Amino acid sequence: MKKYFRLLLKQTSTAPALKRLAASLSLLALLLGLCAPSWAEPLPAFFYNNPVTIERVKQWVEEEKAPDEELLLSEYLEIPINRAPHYGSFIRGLLVAPETGTYYFYVSADNDGQFYLSSDSSPENLSSEPLCLVAGHNCTANRVYDKYPTQKSVPIELSAGKSYYFEGYHCDYGYDSNFSVAWATPSMGDTLPSLPISIEHASVYNEPASPPQILIQPEAQKNLWEGDELHLSVLAQGTAPLTYQWYKDGEEIAGAVGMLYRLQKLSLMDAGSYTVEIRNELGSVMSEAALVEIRPTGNLLQARFYDKLTSLAQLKSRIAEGDSPDERCLLEEHLEIPLNRAVNFGTFISGLILPPETGTYYFYVSADNDGQFYLSSDSSPENLSSEPLCLVAGHNCTASRVYDKYPAQKSAPVELSAGNAYYFEAYHCDYGYDSNFSVAWATPSMGDTLPSLPIEALFLQPAGAVAPSLAYSWSGGLLELTFTGTLQSYDAEQRLWVDLPTQGGTYELAPEGKERFFRTRN
């Protein structure tokens, strides 16, 4: 069963003081020739706050969610009356039949209550449906077992001295609450019981010790890019405590000792074969290898596509929830997605813009259908504009690279500085048969004129990239540039940046009597 319960139940069932007391009482009874009362081991009950439904209680048990409270049941298979409003409870253990013959089981509950029984002492043979139940608002008072037909089970044949595994679930969503399980034993016949099952007929269930066994293997990751995050996980069972150690290409990964292995900002060096070894006191098991493949991005931005969407709200919701995109592509030429990619999909692009000049810029979007562009005042996402600088709204779509159909396509003037990086986010959603999305700008040297092309990829950079540096000084009449990364000069005639032949991190040039622009890139 669940590791949490396994540990807690083990602690409960090995209380040495209680066992010594039980042994002393038994010995005293023998010496005096008296019939001493039998000692019953308390049975734990687990409580969860605000589950809303009994199905949620089952889900939390399955997910090993820690309960909000635990109590020991020392008299009957029954939880305290009116414990609280809006909670769920879970009880499990073994029932030991006092007689051989036909039994009938009963439940009372306010509100939902269900009882399951195994054909033996193993949880694997637990009944798939409850033997008896109280459903929803058809609740009962405490220990009232005959209000609804479903409260009583069909006849069940049990053997004296044999143990039977059981589980009981309950959910309250009112102000009164109760849950108990009763039975009519063979000597009682088919009569209505008045009391729940005595704890003297129940015992704590302890899972048998077992070595680790992998239930779900780590999955191969073959659609990762540079800068992505890696998530590998394994699910195992076995006697606690379990320990984990992850390996890459057979080499131990320092500090990777959990069920989940996570690695941020992947590089090509992180590609390889990943395995995990799980150990406990009884043995160890090595997982199957999970192959991790990483595609190079060449420092280009990615467009992330989310399929089966019909609004920007749906797109932003999926992004906020951390959903993985259905497809991605690299923006190798412009800040623009492929034309007519699909129908009913969303696009998300984020990164840094590197302005080539200091001065006033105007931004534009074209989109079919919705398109929005947001810009930060610096390289930080925290300072992103709360409203889009420019947009295309809904069915007011445009053709590809048409930036003057609606006034909202053009931004207000924006002041940017050369050498700085500015974080941006761009969103797009298509819900027709044609699709396009691009972002353009008018630079200071262009003035307030309509652009014809989207922003070139040369001026874009992934947000996770390390920003290169550039500084200058004068020495002996020469301009000396000190930089990291690749130094580039802007060719105004060809309107493109050109790599400069350099050695080391400095570059010197004499004044030429004309304006020149320099920048560095990774």
Protein backbone atom coordinates (compact mmCIF):
# COMPACT_ATOMS: atom_id res chain seq x y z
CA MET A 1 0.00 0.00 0.00
CA LYS A 2 1.20 3.52 0.59
CA LYS A 3 4.59 4.31 2.06
CA TYR A 4 3.18 6.87 4.51
CA PHE A 5 0.67 4.44 5.96
CA ARG A 6 3.20 1.61 5.93
CA LEU A 7 5.57 3.59 8.15
CA LEU A 8 2.89 4.86 10.51
CA LEU A 9 1.19 1.49 10.85
CA LYS A 10 4.50 -0.20 11.54
CA GLN A 11 5.17 2.25 14.34
CA THR A 12 1.68 1.72 15.76
CA SER A 13 1.82 -2.05 15.62
CA THR A 14 5.14 -2.34 17.42
CA ALA A 15 4.32 -0.43 20.61
CA PRO A 16 6.38 -2.47 23.12
CA ALA A 17 4.60 -1.16 26.22
CA LEU A 18 1.19 -2.29 24.97
CA LYS A 19 2.51 -5.71 24.01
CA ARG A 20 4.17 -6.21 27.39
CA LEU A 21 0.94 -5.19 29.10
CA ALA A 22 -1.04 -7.68 27.00
CA ALA A 23 1.38 -10.47 27.85
CA SER A 24 1.18 -9.63 31.58
CA LEU A 25 -2.62 -9.70 31.54
CA SER A 26 -2.69 -13.06 29.77
CA LEU A 27 -0.24 -14.56 32.26
CA LEU A 28 -2.26 -13.22 35.20
CA ALA A 29 -5.44 -14.76 33.83
CA LEU A 30 -3.80 -18.17 33.56
CA LEU A 31 -2.39 -18.02 37.08
CA LEU A 32 -5.74 -17.06 38.63
CA GLY A 33 -7.78 -19.37 36.46
CA LEU A 34 -9.87 -16.39 35.38
CA CYS A 35 -11.14 -15.39 31.96
CA ALA A 36 -9.27 -12.12 31.46
CA PRO A 37 -10.54 -9.74 28.78
CA SER A 38 -8.66 -10.09 25.48
CA TRP A 39 -6.28 -7.31 24.47
CA ALA A 40 -7.09 -5.59 21.15
CA GLU A 41 -4.52 -3.68 19.12
CA PRO A 42 -5.79 -0.16 18.26
CA LEU A 43 -6.59 0.44 14.61
CA PRO A 44 -5.53 3.76 13.00
CA ALA A 45 -8.07 5.97 11.21
CA PHE A 46 -6.87 8.78 8.91
CA PHE A 47 -8.71 12.06 8.35
CA TYR A 48 -8.52 14.58 5.47
CA ASN A 49 -9.95 18.09 5.53
CA ASN A 50 -12.25 19.40 2.76
CA PRO A 51 -12.13 16.58 0.20
CA VAL A 52 -15.68 17.48 -1.08
CA THR A 53 -16.29 13.95 -2.45
CA ILE A 54 -15.50 10.38 -1.42
CA GLU A 55 -13.72 9.93 -4.75
CA ARG A 56 -11.29 12.68 -3.73
CA VAL A 57 -10.61 10.81 -0.47
CA LYS A 58 -9.72 7.73 -2.51
CA GLN A 59 -7.51 9.83 -4.78
CA TRP A 60 -5.61 11.31 -1.83
CA VAL A 61 -5.07 7.86 -0.35
CA GLU A 62 -3.81 6.60 -3.70
CA GLU A 63 -1.49 9.62 -4.05
CA GLU A 64 -0.13 9.04 -0.52
CA LYS A 65 -1.26 12.48 0.64
CA ALA A 66 -0.43 12.96 4.29
CA PRO A 67 -3.64 13.02 6.39
CA ASP A 68 -4.52 16.08 8.44
CA GLU A 69 -5.14 13.96 11.55
CA GLU A 70 -4.76 10.35 12.76
CA LEU A 71 -6.72 8.66 15.55
CA LEU A 72 -6.51 5.17 17.06
CA LEU A 73 -9.79 3.21 17.21
CA SER A 74 -9.73 1.16 20.41
CA GLU A 75 -13.35 -0.06 20.78
CA TYR A 76 -15.25 -0.36 17.50
CA LEU A 77 -14.78 -0.05 13.79
CA GLU A 78 -16.31 3.40 14.05
CA ILE A 79 -15.03 6.97 13.83
CA PRO A 80 -15.94 9.64 16.44
CA ILE A 81 -19.42 11.14 15.99
CA ASN A 82 -19.61 14.71 14.63
CA ARG A 83 -15.84 15.04 14.44
CA ALA A 84 -16.05 18.11 12.15
CA PRO A 85 -17.83 19.34 9.01
CA HIS A 86 -16.41 18.72 5.56
CA TYR A 87 -13.82 15.98 5.98
CA GLY A 88 -13.06 12.47 4.79
CA SER A 89 -11.78 9.38 6.59
CA PHE A 90 -9.95 6.20 5.63
CA ILE A 91 -9.63 2.98 7.63
CA ARG A 92 -7.94 -0.22 6.61
CA GLY A 93 -6.78 -3.39 8.34
CA LEU A 94 -7.53 -7.06 8.79
CA LEU A 95 -10.75 -8.63 10.11
CA VAL A 96 -10.36 -12.01 11.83
CA ALA A 97 -13.51 -14.12 11.54
CA PRO A 98 -14.56 -15.56 14.93
CA GLU A 99 -16.73 -18.27 13.31
CA THR A 100 -17.03 -20.17 10.07
CA GLY A 101 -20.18 -19.45 8.10
CA THR A 102 -22.28 -16.72 6.56
CA TYR A 103 -21.76 -13.06 7.46
CA TYR A 104 -23.65 -9.89 6.54
CA PHE A 105 -21.85 -6.52 6.61
CA TYR A 106 -23.49 -3.13 7.24
CA VAL A 107 -22.46 0.54 7.14
CA SER A 108 -23.96 3.70 8.60
CA ALA A 109 -22.67 7.06 7.34
CA ASP A 110 -23.30 10.77 7.13
CA ASN A 111 -22.77 11.43 4.29
CA ASP A 112 -20.96 8.96 1.97
CA GLY A 113 -19.66 5.63 3.29
CA GLN A 114 -18.22 2.58 1.52
CA PHE A 115 -16.84 -0.76 2.75
CA TYR A 116 -14.61 -3.10 0.70
CA LEU A 117 -13.47 -6.62 1.66
CA SER A 118 -10.83 -8.94 0.23
CA SER A 119 -11.28 -12.68 -0.27
CA ASP A 120 -8.16 -13.18 1.87
CA SER A 121 -5.51 -11.15 3.71
CA SER A 122 -4.12 -9.59 0.53
CA PRO A 123 -5.06 -6.07 -0.73
CA GLU A 124 -4.67 -7.38 -4.28
CA ASN A 125 -7.91 -9.35 -3.90
CA LEU A 126 -9.98 -6.47 -2.53
CA SER A 127 -13.49 -6.32 -3.99
CA SER A 128 -13.67 -3.95 -6.96
CA GLU A 129 -17.03 -2.59 -5.76
CA PRO A 130 -18.13 -1.80 -2.19
CA LEU A 131 -19.94 -4.62 -0.39
CA CYS A 132 -22.23 -2.07 1.25
CA LEU A 133 -22.56 1.70 1.11
CA VAL A 134 -24.41 4.87 1.98
CA ALA A 135 -24.62 7.19 -1.01
CA GLY A 136 -24.38 10.96 -0.92
CA HIS A 137 -27.23 12.88 0.64
CA ASN A 138 -29.06 9.65 1.57
CA CYS A 139 -27.28 9.73 4.93
CA THR A 140 -28.13 7.83 8.11
CA ALA A 141 -27.96 8.52 11.83
CA ASN A 142 -25.21 6.89 13.86
CA ARG A 143 -25.44 3.05 14.01
CA VAL A 144 -28.64 3.01 11.97
CA TYR A 145 -28.07 0.13 9.52
CA ASP A 146 -31.50 -0.43 7.94
CA LYS A 147 -32.53 2.88 6.35
CA TYR A 148 -31.48 1.89 2.79
CA PRO A 149 -31.08 -1.52 1.10
CA THR A 150 -27.50 -0.67 0.01
CA GLN A 151 -26.37 -0.51 3.65
CA LYS A 152 -26.43 -4.32 3.85
CA SER A 153 -24.09 -6.62 1.93
CA VAL A 154 -24.89 -9.87 0.19
CA PRO A 155 -24.12 -13.00 2.28
CA ILE A 156 -20.35 -13.50 2.63
CA GLU A 157 -18.71 -16.82 3.57
CA LEU A 158 -15.78 -16.48 6.00
CA SER A 159 -13.67 -19.07 7.84
CA ALA A 160 -12.91 -18.94 11.56
CA GLY A 161 -9.41 -17.73 12.43
CA LYS A 162 -8.74 -16.51 8.90
CA SER A 163 -7.80 -12.86 8.25
CA TYR A 164 -9.51 -10.73 5.60
CA TYR A 165 -8.14 -7.40 4.40
CA PHE A 166 -10.63 -4.50 4.30
CA GLU A 167 -10.83 -0.78 3.47
CA GLY A 168 -13.44 1.75 4.61
CA TYR A 169 -13.96 5.22 3.08
CA HIS A 170 -16.17 8.05 4.33
CA CYS A 171 -16.85 11.67 3.35
CA ASP A 172 -18.87 14.24 5.29
CA TYR A 173 -20.13 17.47 3.72
CA GLY A 174 -22.58 18.67 6.34
CA TYR A 175 -22.59 19.52 10.02
CA ASP A 176 -23.32 16.06 11.47
CA SER A 177 -21.10 13.10 10.73
CA ASN A 178 -20.77 9.40 11.51
CA PHE A 179 -19.27 6.29 9.94
CA SER A 180 -19.26 2.73 11.25
CA VAL A 181 -19.09 -0.85 9.96
CA ALA A 182 -21.09 -3.68 11.59
CA TRP A 183 -21.67 -7.36 10.87
CA ALA A 184 -24.09 -10.15 11.61
CA THR A 185 -22.03 -13.26 12.44
CA PRO A 186 -23.18 -16.84 11.71
CA SER A 187 -24.37 -17.32 15.32
CA MET A 188 -26.43 -14.10 15.03
CA GLY A 189 -28.02 -15.23 11.80
CA ASP A 190 -29.58 -12.80 9.32
CA THR A 191 -30.50 -10.24 11.96
CA LEU A 192 -29.83 -6.52 12.23
CA PRO A 193 -26.79 -5.69 14.37
CA SER A 194 -26.91 -2.88 16.90
CA LEU A 195 -23.18 -2.32 17.43
CA PRO A 196 -20.22 -1.87 15.06
CA ILE A 197 -17.58 -4.57 14.73
CA SER A 198 -15.43 -4.81 17.86
CA ILE A 199 -11.77 -3.91 17.45
CA GLU A 200 -10.89 -7.23 19.13
CA HIS A 201 -11.78 -8.83 15.75
CA ALA A 202 -9.50 -6.42 13.80
CA SER A 203 -5.75 -5.99 13.48
CA VAL A 204 -3.34 -3.63 11.77
CA TYR A 205 -2.29 -4.61 8.27
CA ASN A 206 1.49 -4.66 7.74
CA GLU A 207 2.75 -5.18 4.25
CA PRO A 208 5.29 -7.98 3.86
CA ALA A 209 8.89 -6.83 3.45
CA SER A 210 9.93 -6.67 -0.20
CA PRO A 211 12.91 -5.47 -2.27
CA PRO A 212 12.48 -2.47 -4.58
CA GLN A 213 10.38 -2.94 -7.70
CA ILE A 214 10.02 -0.34 -10.44
CA LEU A 215 6.41 0.35 -11.41
CA ILE A 216 6.98 3.14 -13.94
CA GLN A 217 10.32 3.45 -15.77
CA PRO A 218 11.96 6.81 -16.64
CA GLU A 219 10.80 7.94 -20.10
CA ALA A 220 13.09 8.90 -22.97
CA GLN A 221 13.16 12.62 -23.82
CA LYS A 222 13.68 13.17 -27.55
CA ASN A 223 12.08 16.57 -28.12
CA LEU A 224 14.32 18.83 -26.05
CA TRP A 225 16.23 21.94 -27.14
CA GLU A 226 19.13 23.82 -25.68
CA GLY A 227 17.91 25.91 -22.76
CA ASP A 228 14.98 23.60 -21.95
CA GLU A 229 14.44 21.85 -18.62
CA LEU A 230 14.87 18.10 -18.20
CA HIS A 231 12.39 16.18 -16.02
CA LEU A 232 12.96 12.48 -15.38
CA SER A 233 11.01 10.46 -12.84
CA VAL A 234 10.61 6.91 -11.60
CA LEU A 235 7.91 5.22 -9.54
CA ALA A 236 8.91 2.29 -7.35
CA GLN A 237 7.50 0.21 -4.52
CA GLY A 238 9.10 -1.86 -1.79
CA THR A 239 9.70 -1.81 1.92
CA ALA A 240 10.58 1.67 3.12
CA PRO A 241 12.85 3.48 3.26
CA LEU A 242 13.74 3.54 -0.45
CA THR A 243 16.81 5.46 -1.63
CA TYR A 244 17.52 6.71 -5.15
CA GLN A 245 20.66 7.48 -7.18
CA TRP A 246 20.61 8.79 -10.76
CA TYR A 247 23.35 8.13 -13.34
CA LYS A 248 24.30 9.66 -16.69
CA ASP A 249 26.10 7.34 -19.09
CA GLY A 250 26.89 5.12 -16.12
CA GLU A 251 28.44 7.90 -14.04
CA GLU A 252 26.85 8.87 -10.71
CA ILE A 253 25.18 12.31 -10.70
CA ALA A 254 26.08 14.11 -7.49
CA GLY A 255 23.03 15.15 -5.47
CA ALA A 256 20.52 13.37 -7.75
CA VAL A 257 18.94 11.23 -5.03
CA GLY A 258 15.17 11.56 -5.41
CA MET A 259 12.30 10.05 -7.37
CA LEU A 260 12.50 13.10 -9.68
CA TYR A 261 15.63 14.34 -11.44
CA ARG A 262 15.41 17.88 -12.79
CA LEU A 263 18.03 19.82 -14.77
CA GLN A 264 17.58 23.42 -15.88
CA LYS A 265 18.95 25.19 -18.96
CA LEU A 266 20.12 22.15 -20.88
CA SER A 267 23.23 22.22 -23.03
CA LEU A 268 24.26 19.75 -25.72
CA MET A 269 26.59 18.15 -23.16
CA ASP A 270 23.55 17.01 -21.15
CA ALA A 271 22.42 14.58 -23.85
CA GLY A 272 22.97 10.93 -22.99
CA SER A 273 21.59 7.83 -21.30
CA TYR A 274 20.06 8.27 -17.85
CA THR A 275 19.33 5.51 -15.31
CA VAL A 276 18.33 5.42 -11.66
CA GLU A 277 19.10 2.81 -9.00
CA ILE A 278 16.62 2.20 -6.16
CA ARG A 279 17.75 0.52 -2.95
CA ASN A 280 16.41 -0.67 0.39
CA GLU A 281 17.66 -3.09 3.05
CA LEU A 282 16.50 -6.08 0.99
CA GLY A 283 18.18 -5.26 -2.31
CA SER A 284 18.41 -2.89 -5.27
CA VAL A 285 17.14 -2.52 -8.82
CA MET A 286 18.44 -0.49 -11.77
CA SER A 287 15.97 1.18 -14.12
CA GLU A 288 15.89 0.91 -17.85
CA ALA A 289 17.93 3.58 -19.66
CA ALA A 290 16.11 6.76 -20.69
CA LEU A 291 17.74 8.33 -23.75
CA VAL A 292 17.85 12.14 -23.66
CA GLU A 293 18.36 13.92 -26.98
CA ILE A 294 18.92 17.68 -27.19
CA ARG A 295 18.64 19.77 -30.37
CA PRO A 296 20.96 22.73 -30.91
CA THR A 297 19.28 26.13 -31.14
CA GLY A 298 22.25 28.16 -32.39
CA ASN A 299 21.18 30.94 -29.97
CA LEU A 300 17.91 31.34 -31.91
CA LEU A 301 14.49 32.00 -30.43
CA GLN A 302 11.82 29.32 -30.36
CA ALA A 303 8.17 29.66 -31.27
CA ARG A 304 6.05 27.35 -29.10
CA PHE A 305 2.80 26.04 -30.58
CA TYR A 306 -0.23 24.80 -28.61
CA ASP A 307 -2.86 22.96 -30.64
CA LYS A 308 -6.66 22.81 -30.31
CA LEU A 309 -7.15 26.33 -28.97
CA THR A 310 -9.73 28.95 -29.88
CA SER A 311 -8.73 31.97 -27.75
CA LEU A 312 -5.76 33.81 -26.29
CA ALA A 313 -7.23 33.18 -22.84
CA GLN A 314 -6.94 29.43 -23.38
CA LEU A 315 -3.36 29.85 -24.61
CA LYS A 316 -2.28 31.94 -21.61
CA SER A 317 -3.98 29.49 -19.25
CA ARG A 318 -2.03 26.53 -20.69
CA ILE A 319 1.23 28.49 -20.44
CA ALA A 320 0.48 29.49 -16.83
CA GLU A 321 -0.25 25.85 -15.95
CA GLY A 322 3.15 24.80 -17.33
CA ASP A 323 1.80 22.70 -20.22
CA SER A 324 4.36 21.53 -22.74
CA PRO A 325 3.88 22.84 -26.30
CA ASP A 326 2.69 20.45 -28.99
CA GLU A 327 5.39 21.64 -31.40
CA ARG A 328 8.24 24.13 -31.61
CA CYS A 329 10.29 25.74 -34.33
CA LEU A 330 13.36 27.98 -34.47
CA LEU A 331 13.05 31.55 -35.74
CA GLU A 332 16.02 31.60 -38.09
CA GLU A 333 15.21 34.73 -40.13
CA HIS A 334 12.53 36.93 -38.56
CA LEU A 335 10.23 37.34 -35.56
CA GLU A 336 7.54 35.54 -37.55
CA ILE A 337 5.88 32.10 -37.50
CA PRO A 338 5.36 29.94 -40.63
CA LEU A 339 2.32 30.88 -42.72
CA ASN A 340 -0.81 28.72 -42.43
CA ARG A 341 0.78 26.28 -39.97
CA ALA A 342 -2.55 24.76 -38.84
CA VAL A 343 -6.10 25.56 -37.73
CA ASN A 344 -7.09 26.43 -34.14
CA PHE A 345 -3.73 26.78 -32.42
CA GLY A 346 -1.84 29.25 -30.26
CA THR A 347 1.72 30.60 -30.40
CA PHE A 348 3.98 31.86 -27.63
CA ILE A 349 7.36 33.53 -28.22
CA SER A 350 9.55 35.11 -25.54
CA GLY A 351 13.12 36.35 -25.45
CA LEU A 352 15.30 39.44 -25.65
CA ILE A 353 15.36 42.21 -28.25
CA LEU A 354 18.76 43.88 -28.87
CA PRO A 355 18.20 47.33 -30.40
CA PRO A 356 20.96 48.40 -32.85
CA GLU A 357 20.49 52.14 -32.17
CA THR A 358 19.55 54.46 -29.34
CA GLY A 359 16.36 56.40 -29.94
CA THR A 360 12.66 56.12 -30.70
CA TYR A 361 11.17 52.82 -31.96
CA TYR A 362 7.66 51.88 -33.12
CA PHE A 363 6.49 48.25 -32.92
CA TYR A 364 3.89 46.59 -35.17
CA VAL A 365 2.08 43.24 -35.32
CA SER A 366 0.25 41.40 -38.07
CA ALA A 367 -1.93 38.42 -37.13
CA ASP A 368 -4.67 36.06 -38.16
CA ASN A 369 -6.50 36.02 -35.82
CA ASP A 370 -5.43 37.41 -32.41
CA GLY A 371 -1.94 38.80 -31.86
CA GLN A 372 -0.34 40.68 -28.94
CA PHE A 373 3.16 42.04 -28.23
CA TYR A 374 4.45 42.97 -24.74
CA LEU A 375 7.79 44.64 -23.94
CA SER A 376 9.73 45.11 -20.70
CA SER A 377 11.56 48.29 -19.70
CA ASP A 378 14.71 46.18 -19.31
CA SER A 379 15.85 42.54 -19.58
CA SER A 380 13.66 41.41 -16.69
CA PRO A 381 10.27 39.68 -17.16
CA GLU A 382 9.11 41.33 -13.92
CA ASN A 383 8.97 44.70 -15.71
CA LEU A 384 6.95 43.49 -18.69
CA SER A 385 4.23 45.90 -19.79
CA SER A 386 0.87 45.06 -18.21
CA GLU A 387 -0.94 45.75 -21.51
CA PRO A 388 0.19 44.87 -25.04
CA LEU A 389 2.11 47.61 -26.88
CA CYS A 390 0.33 46.65 -30.11
CA LEU A 391 -2.24 44.06 -31.08
CA VAL A 392 -4.62 42.57 -33.59
CA ALA A 393 -7.95 41.76 -31.96
CA GLY A 394 -10.12 38.74 -32.73
CA HIS A 395 -11.81 38.60 -36.11
CA ASN A 396 -10.15 41.87 -37.17
CA CYS A 397 -7.34 39.83 -38.69
CA THR A 398 -4.72 40.94 -41.22
CA ALA A 399 -2.84 39.36 -44.07
CA SER A 400 0.80 38.40 -43.54
CA ARG A 401 3.15 41.40 -42.95
CA VAL A 402 0.31 43.91 -43.33
CA TYR A 403 0.91 46.36 -40.47
CA ASP A 404 -1.43 49.28 -41.24
CA LYS A 405 -4.94 47.83 -41.40
CA TYR A 406 -5.92 48.87 -37.86
CA PRO A 407 -4.55 51.63 -35.57
CA ALA A 408 -3.98 49.13 -32.72
CA GLN A 409 -1.33 47.34 -34.80
CA LYS A 410 1.15 50.18 -34.13
CA SER A 411 2.63 50.94 -30.73
CA ALA A 412 3.22 54.33 -29.13
CA PRO A 413 6.81 55.56 -29.43
CA VAL A 414 9.23 53.54 -27.30
CA GLU A 415 12.69 54.75 -26.24
CA LEU A 416 15.39 52.05 -26.38
CA SER A 417 19.16 52.17 -25.90
CA ALA A 418 21.73 50.38 -28.05
CA GLY A 419 23.74 47.83 -26.07
CA ASN A 420 20.83 47.01 -23.75
CA ALA A 421 18.58 43.97 -23.92
CA TYR A 422 14.77 44.15 -23.52
CA TYR A 423 12.63 41.18 -22.59
CA PHE A 424 9.44 40.62 -24.63
CA GLU A 425 6.52 38.22 -24.93
CA ALA A 426 4.37 37.66 -28.01
CA TYR A 427 1.06 35.75 -28.14
CA HIS A 428 -1.01 34.61 -31.09
CA CYS A 429 -4.12 32.49 -31.61
CA ASP A 430 -5.63 31.23 -34.85
CA TYR A 431 -9.20 30.00 -35.12
CA GLY A 432 -9.76 30.08 -38.86
CA TYR A 433 -8.24 28.48 -41.94
CA ASP A 434 -5.43 30.96 -42.65
CA SER A 435 -2.84 31.95 -40.07
CA ASN A 436 0.05 34.39 -39.72
CA PHE A 437 1.84 36.23 -36.95
CA SER A 438 4.81 38.57 -37.04
CA VAL A 439 6.31 41.50 -35.13
CA ALA A 440 8.06 44.39 -36.92
CA TRP A 441 9.66 47.66 -35.86
CA ALA A 442 10.64 51.05 -37.20
CA THR A 443 14.11 51.89 -35.86
CA PRO A 444 15.35 55.45 -35.13
CA SER A 445 17.16 55.64 -38.49
CA MET A 446 13.95 54.57 -40.29
CA GLY A 447 11.90 57.21 -38.52
CA ASP A 448 8.14 56.98 -38.13
CA THR A 449 7.67 54.97 -41.34
CA LEU A 450 5.79 51.72 -41.99
CA PRO A 451 8.11 48.66 -41.96
CA SER A 452 7.82 45.99 -44.63
CA LEU A 453 9.67 43.15 -42.90
CA PRO A 454 9.45 41.63 -39.40
CA ILE A 455 12.30 42.11 -36.91
CA GLU A 456 15.37 40.16 -38.04
CA ALA A 457 16.60 37.22 -35.97
CA LEU A 458 19.96 38.99 -35.63
CA PHE A 459 18.37 41.35 -33.12
CA LEU A 460 16.84 38.56 -31.03
CA GLN A 461 18.27 36.37 -28.29
CA PRO A 462 16.90 33.70 -25.92
CA ALA A 463 16.12 35.09 -22.48
CA GLY A 464 18.28 32.44 -20.81
CA ALA A 465 21.38 33.32 -22.80
CA VAL A 466 24.29 35.01 -21.07
CA ALA A 467 24.41 38.60 -22.29
CA PRO A 468 27.71 39.50 -23.98
CA SER A 469 29.54 42.68 -22.92
CA LEU A 470 31.01 45.65 -24.77
CA ALA A 471 33.00 48.64 -23.48
CA TYR A 472 35.25 51.25 -25.13
CA SER A 473 38.13 53.61 -24.31
CA TRP A 474 40.55 55.92 -26.20
CA SER A 475 44.25 55.09 -26.31
CA GLY A 476 46.77 57.09 -28.36
CA GLY A 477 44.11 58.42 -30.72
CA LEU A 478 42.68 54.92 -31.32
CA LEU A 479 39.28 53.64 -30.22
CA GLU A 480 39.75 50.44 -28.25
CA LEU A 481 36.74 48.11 -27.85
CA THR A 482 36.81 45.51 -25.06
CA PHE A 483 34.22 42.77 -25.42
CA THR A 484 33.08 39.23 -24.70
CA GLY A 485 31.32 37.16 -27.34
CA THR A 486 31.45 37.89 -31.08
CA LEU A 487 32.05 41.51 -32.13
CA GLN A 488 29.89 42.74 -35.02
CA SER A 489 29.67 45.96 -37.03
CA TYR A 490 26.52 47.21 -38.74
CA ASP A 491 26.67 47.53 -42.55
CA ALA A 492 24.18 50.33 -43.35
CA GLU A 493 24.19 49.66 -47.12
CA GLN A 494 23.35 45.98 -46.81
CA ARG A 495 21.33 46.55 -43.62
CA LEU A 496 22.91 43.65 -41.75
CA TRP A 497 25.41 42.95 -39.01
CA VAL A 498 28.81 41.60 -40.03
CA ASP A 499 31.22 39.62 -37.83
CA LEU A 500 34.56 41.38 -37.40
CA PRO A 501 37.85 39.43 -37.53
CA THR A 502 39.23 39.71 -33.99
CA GLN A 503 41.74 38.01 -31.75
CA GLY A 504 41.19 37.99 -28.02
CA GLY A 505 38.73 40.35 -26.40
CA THR A 506 39.93 43.71 -27.82
CA TYR A 507 39.58 45.54 -31.12
CA GLU A 508 41.25 48.83 -32.16
CA LEU A 509 40.36 51.25 -34.99
CA ALA A 510 41.21 54.78 -36.04
CA PRO A 511 38.51 57.48 -36.33
CA GLU A 512 37.01 57.46 -39.85
CA GLY A 513 34.90 60.60 -39.70
CA LYS A 514 31.62 58.67 -39.98
CA GLU A 515 29.18 57.07 -37.63
CA ARG A 516 29.59 53.32 -36.98
CA PHE A 517 27.65 50.86 -34.82
CA PHE A 518 29.10 47.89 -32.97
CA ARG A 519 27.58 45.12 -30.89
CA THR A 520 28.50 41.72 -29.47
CA ARG A 521 26.58 38.45 -29.62
CA ASN A 522 27.02 34.97 -28.20
